[in-house]
Amino acid sequence: MATRKTSAGDTTTGGPATPPFKKSARTAVEPAKPAGKAREPEESPEERVYRTLYDGILDRRLAPGTKLKEIPLAQAFGVTRGVVRKTLARLATAKVVTLRSQHGASVASPSLEEVGQIFAARRLIEGFVIERLAESIDADQLRTLRELMKQERDTYRAGDMRTGIKLSTDFHVQLAQCAGNTVLTEFLQQLVARTPLIFLAHGDPGKSVSCSDQEHANIIAAVIAGDTERAVKAMRAHLDHLESHVVPAERTKPLDLAQLLGL
């Protein structure tokens, strides 16, 4: 015979052992919370400052030469100067910010000599990338590129130039990712990030320079056909066309950083 304790603490004998009585709702362990999506980790202050400044530069809200002073930025973001200092160092590594010991930080303003070097580097890297793709692209990669091109085209037609330019730059980086060379992809990301600065510093103030979706389509058509020579020529012609928009021009340098960044 099994023994069990009663709710009063006495022991009795009886049939087979039974589980302990459940406690009342008031004393029981808290019920499990409903299952839901795991919370995404909160963005750190440094990441928030970095992302906002980086996007502000690529979105053309911060013109080349714009001073990035630590105290105003720290006040605008509600962070310490140390956070701002680390962020500016990261942006300098990405080549979109220039750090000078006597002059502080400013949005990078590429010289005409640097412009030529950037486009020369892009021709070399993207020529190699497109050659590899013409030899090895698969159905999933092609689907991804076509969807990106569709978004790019629809965005430009809707008149959203800022988003369209971002999608255009994403297209070039995506080509490198599809080619499967991580090192070249990292190099190209830096070069692509610096390209909008070129047109802000040396472009026609009355025009917004963007990639041509038709030129992108021509590149992909050659890749699909497996025509390596035509694909490389299409890419180089595309980059030549972009570089042809470079015209030295004086630019104003907005100073209200908080307003420009939407803070």
Protein backbone atom coordinates (compact mmCIF):
# COMPACT_ATOMS: atom_id res chain seq x y z
CA MET A 1 0.00 0.00 0.00
CA ALA A 2 1.32 3.46 -0.83
CA THR A 3 1.24 6.35 1.62
CA ARG A 4 0.53 9.93 0.75
CA LYS A 5 0.25 13.20 2.61
CA THR A 6 -3.06 14.92 2.94
CA SER A 7 -3.41 18.67 2.52
CA ALA A 8 -3.20 18.94 6.33
CA GLY A 9 0.13 17.16 6.43
CA ASP A 10 -1.15 13.76 7.84
CA THR A 11 -0.22 10.53 6.14
CA THR A 12 -2.80 8.00 5.12
CA THR A 13 -2.74 4.69 3.42
CA GLY A 14 -4.75 3.83 0.43
CA GLY A 15 -4.56 2.92 -3.23
CA PRO A 16 -1.79 3.68 -5.65
CA ALA A 17 0.21 6.84 -5.12
CA THR A 18 -1.37 9.93 -6.63
CA PRO A 19 0.30 13.19 -7.68
CA PRO A 20 0.40 16.00 -5.10
CA PHE A 21 -2.62 18.27 -5.11
CA LYS A 22 -2.30 21.41 -7.28
CA LYS A 23 -1.90 24.63 -5.43
CA SER A 24 -4.47 27.33 -5.83
CA ALA A 25 -4.02 29.91 -8.54
CA ARG A 26 -2.86 32.42 -5.94
CA THR A 27 0.05 30.34 -4.72
CA ALA A 28 0.95 28.44 -7.87
CA VAL A 29 3.96 29.29 -9.99
CA GLU A 30 3.13 32.03 -12.49
CA PRO A 31 1.61 30.60 -15.66
CA ALA A 32 3.80 30.53 -18.73
CA LYS A 33 3.54 33.64 -20.89
CA PRO A 34 2.08 33.21 -24.36
CA ALA A 35 4.66 32.33 -26.94
CA GLY A 36 5.63 35.19 -29.20
CA LYS A 37 8.41 36.54 -31.35
CA ALA A 38 11.74 36.96 -29.65
CA ARG A 39 12.59 40.60 -29.07
CA GLU A 40 15.28 41.92 -31.34
CA PRO A 41 18.36 43.16 -29.51
CA GLU A 42 18.18 46.89 -28.88
CA GLU A 43 20.44 48.99 -31.08
CA SER A 44 23.40 50.40 -29.19
CA PRO A 45 23.93 54.19 -29.09
CA GLU A 46 27.05 53.84 -31.23
CA GLU A 47 25.21 51.78 -33.86
CA ARG A 48 22.36 54.29 -33.93
CA VAL A 49 24.73 57.23 -34.47
CA TYR A 50 26.72 55.31 -37.09
CA ARG A 51 23.64 54.21 -39.05
CA THR A 52 22.06 57.67 -38.98
CA LEU A 53 25.21 59.47 -40.12
CA TYR A 54 26.08 56.82 -42.73
CA ASP A 55 22.55 56.91 -44.17
CA GLY A 56 22.56 60.70 -44.04
CA ILE A 57 25.71 60.78 -46.16
CA LEU A 58 24.52 58.20 -48.68
CA ASP A 59 21.06 59.81 -48.85
CA ARG A 60 22.71 63.13 -49.77
CA ARG A 61 21.47 64.97 -46.68
CA LEU A 62 25.05 65.67 -45.58
CA ALA A 63 27.07 67.29 -48.35
CA PRO A 64 30.81 66.74 -48.84
CA GLY A 65 32.81 69.01 -46.56
CA THR A 66 30.08 69.27 -43.91
CA LYS A 67 31.75 69.66 -40.50
CA LEU A 68 30.89 66.91 -38.03
CA LYS A 69 31.61 68.46 -34.64
CA GLU A 70 31.55 66.19 -31.62
CA ILE A 71 29.65 68.40 -29.17
CA PRO A 72 26.71 69.33 -31.47
CA LEU A 73 26.41 65.70 -32.59
CA ALA A 74 26.51 64.41 -29.00
CA GLN A 75 23.78 66.87 -28.04
CA ALA A 76 21.66 66.04 -31.11
CA PHE A 77 21.84 62.28 -30.48
CA GLY A 78 21.78 62.47 -26.68
CA VAL A 79 25.02 60.50 -26.33
CA THR A 80 28.50 61.13 -24.98
CA ARG A 81 31.34 62.62 -26.99
CA GLY A 82 33.13 59.29 -26.65
CA VAL A 83 30.35 57.55 -28.59
CA VAL A 84 30.50 60.20 -31.30
CA ARG A 85 34.30 59.96 -31.48
CA LYS A 86 34.21 56.18 -31.97
CA THR A 87 31.52 56.51 -34.62
CA LEU A 88 33.45 59.11 -36.59
CA ALA A 89 36.50 56.84 -36.52
CA ARG A 90 34.41 53.99 -37.99
CA LEU A 91 33.02 56.28 -40.69
CA ALA A 92 36.56 57.37 -41.53
CA THR A 93 37.51 53.70 -41.96
CA ALA A 94 34.59 53.37 -44.37
CA LYS A 95 36.05 56.36 -46.29
CA VAL A 96 32.91 58.49 -46.05
CA VAL A 97 34.32 60.80 -43.36
CA THR A 98 37.70 62.56 -43.25
CA LEU A 99 39.53 63.03 -39.95
CA ARG A 100 42.21 65.70 -39.64
CA SER A 101 44.07 66.39 -36.42
CA GLN A 102 43.76 70.17 -36.65
CA HIS A 103 40.40 70.40 -38.37
CA GLY A 104 38.31 67.61 -36.86
CA ALA A 105 35.89 65.47 -38.84
CA SER A 106 33.97 66.29 -41.98
CA VAL A 107 32.04 64.44 -44.66
CA ALA A 108 34.55 63.23 -47.24
CA SER A 109 34.92 65.40 -50.31
CA PRO A 110 36.80 63.45 -52.98
CA SER A 111 39.15 65.39 -55.23
CA LEU A 112 38.95 65.03 -59.00
CA GLU A 113 42.06 62.85 -58.83
CA GLU A 114 40.33 60.57 -56.32
CA VAL A 115 37.24 60.47 -58.54
CA GLY A 116 39.28 59.02 -61.38
CA GLN A 117 40.86 56.48 -59.04
CA ILE A 118 37.49 55.40 -57.62
CA PHE A 119 35.99 54.76 -61.05
CA ALA A 120 39.15 53.00 -62.23
CA ALA A 121 38.91 50.68 -59.21
CA ARG A 122 35.22 50.07 -59.84
CA ARG A 123 35.88 49.13 -63.47
CA LEU A 124 38.47 46.57 -62.41
CA ILE A 125 36.41 45.02 -59.62
CA GLU A 126 33.02 45.09 -61.32
CA GLY A 127 34.48 43.87 -64.61
CA PHE A 128 35.84 40.82 -62.79
CA VAL A 129 32.57 40.36 -60.86
CA ILE A 130 30.38 40.43 -63.95
CA GLU A 131 32.72 38.06 -65.78
CA ARG A 132 32.39 35.51 -62.96
CA LEU A 133 28.61 35.92 -62.88
CA ALA A 134 28.26 35.34 -66.62
CA GLU A 135 29.95 31.99 -66.06
CA SER A 136 28.18 30.84 -62.90
CA ILE A 137 24.92 32.67 -62.06
CA ASP A 138 22.13 30.41 -60.80
CA ALA A 139 18.34 30.72 -60.81
CA ASP A 140 18.03 32.01 -57.23
CA GLN A 141 20.64 34.71 -57.79
CA LEU A 142 18.95 35.77 -61.02
CA ARG A 143 15.60 35.97 -59.24
CA THR A 144 17.11 38.18 -56.53
CA LEU A 145 18.69 40.54 -59.06
CA ARG A 146 15.51 40.81 -61.12
CA GLU A 147 13.45 41.64 -58.04
CA LEU A 148 15.96 44.32 -57.04
CA MET A 149 15.84 45.79 -60.55
CA LYS A 150 12.02 45.86 -60.44
CA GLN A 151 12.06 47.71 -57.11
CA GLU A 152 14.61 50.14 -58.50
CA ARG A 153 12.56 50.82 -61.63
CA ASP A 154 9.28 51.24 -59.72
CA THR A 155 10.89 53.58 -57.20
CA TYR A 156 12.35 55.87 -59.87
CA ARG A 157 9.02 55.95 -61.71
CA ALA A 158 7.32 56.97 -58.47
CA GLY A 159 9.74 59.91 -58.24
CA ASP A 160 11.51 58.68 -55.09
CA MET A 161 15.06 59.48 -56.15
CA ARG A 162 16.62 58.96 -52.71
CA THR A 163 15.39 55.38 -52.39
CA GLY A 164 16.06 54.74 -56.07
CA ILE A 165 19.71 55.73 -55.72
CA LYS A 166 20.07 53.46 -52.69
CA LEU A 167 18.57 50.54 -54.64
CA SER A 168 20.91 51.29 -57.55
CA THR A 169 23.95 51.08 -55.29
CA ASP A 170 22.54 47.94 -53.67
CA PHE A 171 22.32 46.37 -57.13
CA HIS A 172 26.06 46.73 -57.69
CA VAL A 173 26.89 45.28 -54.26
CA GLN A 174 24.45 42.42 -54.83
CA LEU A 175 26.26 41.52 -58.05
CA ALA A 176 29.48 41.11 -56.07
CA GLN A 177 27.73 39.05 -53.41
CA CYS A 178 26.32 36.74 -56.08
CA ALA A 179 29.82 36.32 -57.53
CA GLY A 180 30.81 34.86 -54.16
CA ASN A 181 33.97 36.88 -53.45
CA THR A 182 33.66 38.34 -49.94
CA VAL A 183 36.83 40.43 -50.09
CA LEU A 184 35.87 42.10 -53.38
CA THR A 185 32.37 42.71 -52.03
CA GLU A 186 33.82 44.61 -49.06
CA PHE A 187 36.03 46.71 -51.34
CA LEU A 188 33.12 47.45 -53.64
CA GLN A 189 30.88 48.49 -50.74
CA GLN A 190 33.39 51.18 -49.85
CA LEU A 191 33.70 52.37 -53.43
CA VAL A 192 29.94 52.42 -53.96
CA ALA A 193 29.43 54.33 -50.70
CA ARG A 194 31.85 57.01 -51.90
CA THR A 195 30.23 57.39 -55.32
CA PRO A 196 27.27 59.58 -54.20
CA LEU A 197 29.81 61.92 -52.59
CA ILE A 198 31.43 62.35 -55.99
CA PHE A 199 28.26 63.76 -57.53
CA LEU A 200 27.55 65.96 -54.53
CA ALA A 201 31.05 67.43 -54.75
CA HIS A 202 31.49 67.46 -58.52
CA GLY A 203 28.05 67.14 -60.08
CA ASP A 204 25.57 69.50 -61.69
CA PRO A 205 23.65 71.12 -58.79
CA GLY A 206 20.47 71.03 -60.89
CA LYS A 207 20.59 67.32 -61.62
CA SER A 208 20.26 64.16 -59.55
CA VAL A 209 22.58 61.53 -60.97
CA SER A 210 21.42 57.94 -60.76
CA CYS A 211 22.08 54.61 -62.39
CA SER A 212 20.05 53.82 -65.49
CA ASP A 213 17.73 50.86 -64.89
CA GLN A 214 17.96 50.10 -68.63
CA GLU A 215 21.75 49.87 -68.37
CA HIS A 216 21.34 47.48 -65.45
CA ALA A 217 18.93 45.44 -67.58
CA ASN A 218 21.48 45.31 -70.41
CA ILE A 219 24.11 43.98 -68.02
CA ILE A 220 21.82 41.24 -66.73
CA ALA A 221 20.70 40.30 -70.24
CA ALA A 222 24.33 39.68 -71.21
CA VAL A 223 24.90 37.68 -68.00
CA ILE A 224 21.86 35.49 -68.72
CA ALA A 225 23.12 34.88 -72.24
CA GLY A 226 26.46 33.78 -70.79
CA ASP A 227 28.16 36.32 -73.05
CA THR A 228 31.10 37.29 -70.85
CA GLU A 229 32.60 39.85 -73.23
CA ARG A 230 29.29 41.65 -73.78
CA ALA A 231 28.53 41.64 -70.04
CA VAL A 232 31.89 43.20 -69.17
CA LYS A 233 31.50 45.82 -71.92
CA ALA A 234 27.99 46.66 -70.68
CA MET A 235 29.27 47.17 -67.13
CA ARG A 236 32.18 49.36 -68.22
CA ALA A 237 29.90 51.43 -70.47
CA HIS A 238 27.56 51.89 -67.51
CA LEU A 239 30.39 53.13 -65.27
CA ASP A 240 31.70 55.39 -68.08
CA HIS A 241 28.24 56.93 -68.31
CA LEU A 242 28.17 57.58 -64.57
CA GLU A 243 31.61 59.17 -64.60
CA SER A 244 30.61 61.42 -67.51
CA HIS A 245 28.32 63.31 -65.10
CA VAL A 246 31.29 64.52 -63.04
CA VAL A 247 31.56 68.30 -63.41
CA PRO A 248 33.49 70.46 -60.91
CA ALA A 249 31.08 72.75 -59.12
CA GLU A 250 30.97 74.86 -55.98
CA ARG A 251 28.68 73.45 -53.32
CA THR A 252 27.13 74.97 -50.24
CA LYS A 253 27.79 73.18 -46.97
CA PRO A 254 24.74 72.95 -44.67
CA LEU A 255 25.57 73.28 -40.98
CA ASP A 256 22.34 72.35 -39.16
CA LEU A 257 23.21 68.70 -38.56
CA ALA A 258 20.27 67.86 -36.32
CA GLN A 259 17.75 69.13 -38.86
CA LEU A 260 19.53 67.46 -41.77
CA LEU A 261 19.51 64.11 -39.94
CA GLY A 262 15.89 64.45 -38.85
CA LEU A 263 16.74 64.39 -35.14
